[in-house]
C-alpha atoms as a PDB file:
ATOM      1  CA  MET A   1      23.581  -1.574  -5.109  1.00  0.00           C
ATOM      2  CA  GLY A   2      21.825   1.189  -7.057  1.00  0.00           C
ATOM      3  CA  ILE A   3      18.907   1.189  -9.453  1.00  0.00           C
ATOM      4  CA  LEU A   4      19.657   0.931 -13.172  1.00  0.00           C
ATOM      5  CA  VAL A   5      17.554   3.369 -15.220  1.00  0.00           C
ATOM      6  CA  LYS A   6      17.706   2.650 -18.951  1.00  0.00           C
ATOM      7  CA  ALA A   7      15.480   5.546 -20.042  1.00  0.00           C
ATOM      8  CA  GLU A   8      13.435   8.349 -18.514  1.00  0.00           C
ATOM      9  CA  GLU A   9       9.965   8.914 -19.940  1.00  0.00           C
ATOM     10  CA  ALA A  10       6.954  10.883 -18.764  1.00  0.00           C
ATOM     11  CA  THR A  11       4.041   8.760 -17.560  1.00  0.00           C
ATOM     12  CA  ASP A  12       0.776   9.109 -19.440  1.00  0.00           C
ATOM     13  CA  TYR A  13      -1.717   9.248 -16.573  1.00  0.00           C
ATOM     14  CA  ARG A  14      -4.412   7.607 -18.723  1.00  0.00           C
ATOM     15  CA  TYR A  15      -2.431   4.392 -18.258  1.00  0.00           C
ATOM     16  CA  GLY A  16      -1.452   4.630 -14.609  1.00  0.00           C
ATOM     17  CA  TYR A  17       0.672   6.506 -12.123  1.00  0.00           C
ATOM     18  CA  PRO A  18       4.117   6.087 -10.674  1.00  0.00           C
ATOM     19  CA  PRO A  19       3.556   4.344  -7.305  1.00  0.00           C
ATOM     20  CA  ASP A  20       4.666   7.350  -5.259  1.00  0.00           C
ATOM     21  CA  GLN A  21       2.207   9.630  -7.122  1.00  0.00           C
ATOM     22  CA  ARG A  22      -0.850   7.334  -7.170  1.00  0.00           C
ATOM     23  CA  PRO A  23      -3.905   9.045  -5.611  1.00  0.00           C
ATOM     24  CA  VAL A  24      -5.318   7.517  -2.422  1.00  0.00           C
ATOM     25  CA  ASP A  25      -8.772   7.069  -3.990  1.00  0.00           C
ATOM     26  CA  LEU A  26      -7.212   4.887  -6.683  1.00  0.00           C
ATOM     27  CA  HIS A  27      -5.554   2.746  -4.004  1.00  0.00           C
ATOM     28  CA  MET A  28      -8.961   2.398  -2.353  1.00  0.00           C
ATOM     29  CA  ASP A  29     -10.660   1.414  -5.629  1.00  0.00           C
ATOM     30  CA  LEU A  30      -8.035  -1.235  -6.326  1.00  0.00           C
ATOM     31  CA  GLY A  31      -8.306  -2.557  -2.792  1.00  0.00           C
ATOM     32  CA  ILE A  32      -4.632  -3.213  -2.059  1.00  0.00           C
ATOM     33  CA  ILE A  33      -2.304  -1.259   0.190  1.00  0.00           C
ATOM     34  CA  ASN A  34       1.160  -2.598   0.974  1.00  0.00           C
ATOM     35  CA  LEU A  35       2.020  -2.037   4.608  1.00  0.00           C
ATOM     36  CA  ASP A  36       5.288  -2.679   6.404  1.00  0.00           C
ATOM     37  CA  LYS A  37       4.041  -3.588   9.884  1.00  0.00           C
ATOM     38  CA  PRO A  38       6.422  -2.504  12.645  1.00  0.00           C
ATOM     39  CA  PRO A  39       7.366  -4.957  15.403  1.00  0.00           C
ATOM     40  CA  GLY A  40       5.031  -4.853  18.367  1.00  0.00           C
ATOM     41  CA  PRO A  41       1.403  -4.468  17.321  1.00  0.00           C
ATOM     42  CA  THR A  42      -0.467  -7.573  16.243  1.00  0.00           C
ATOM     43  CA  SER A  43      -1.862  -8.091  12.740  1.00  0.00           C
ATOM     44  CA  HIS A  44      -5.349  -7.665  14.220  1.00  0.00           C
ATOM     45  CA  GLU A  45      -4.412  -4.291  15.768  1.00  0.00           C
ATOM     46  CA  VAL A  46      -2.900  -2.974  12.546  1.00  0.00           C
ATOM     47  CA  THR A  47      -5.953  -4.089  10.561  1.00  0.00           C
ATOM     48  CA  SER A  48      -8.181  -2.264  13.040  1.00  0.00           C
ATOM     49  CA  TRP A  49      -6.081   0.915  12.741  1.00  0.00           C
ATOM     50  CA  VAL A  50      -6.254   0.781   8.939  1.00  0.00           C
ATOM     51  CA  LYS A  51     -10.049   0.449   9.047  1.00  0.00           C
ATOM     52  CA  LYS A  52     -10.338   3.444  11.391  1.00  0.00           C
ATOM     53  CA  LEU A  53      -7.852   5.619   9.481  1.00  0.00           C
ATOM     54  CA  LEU A  54      -9.440   4.938   6.097  1.00  0.00           C
ATOM     55  CA  GLY A  55     -13.036   4.905   7.320  1.00  0.00           C
ATOM     56  CA  VAL A  56     -13.817   1.533   5.768  1.00  0.00           C
ATOM     57  CA  GLU A  57     -15.883  -1.364   7.101  1.00  0.00           C
ATOM     58  CA  LYS A  58     -13.766  -4.186   5.731  1.00  0.00           C
ATOM     59  CA  ALA A  59     -10.013  -4.698   5.849  1.00  0.00           C
ATOM     60  CA  GLY A  60      -7.829  -7.721   6.280  1.00  0.00           C
ATOM     61  CA  HIS A  61      -4.366  -9.085   5.693  1.00  0.00           C
ATOM     62  CA  GLY A  62      -3.089 -11.726   3.373  1.00  0.00           C
ATOM     63  CA  GLY A  63      -0.554 -13.877   5.120  1.00  0.00           C
ATOM     64  CA  THR A  64       1.700 -13.433   8.077  1.00  0.00           C
ATOM     65  CA  LEU A  65       2.504  -9.970   9.317  1.00  0.00           C
ATOM     66  CA  GLY A  66       4.745 -11.215  12.114  1.00  0.00           C
ATOM     67  CA  LEU A  67       8.512 -11.028  12.488  1.00  0.00           C
ATOM     68  CA  ARG A  68      10.728 -12.904  10.069  1.00  0.00           C
END
């Protein structure tokens, strides 16, 4: 099934960004990053990797990151 696009309009960056063009610093300010955890590593491991990669002291997960 495809995506239905009713109209194409330019985004006024004063009011936000398309998700694929949002700057990393804005993601950091908002405090939420969606992550699709691969099978294998634990939630704790992935949280640790995120903290190291982003150079932040605090990171966590909301809910289960395990297999379905």
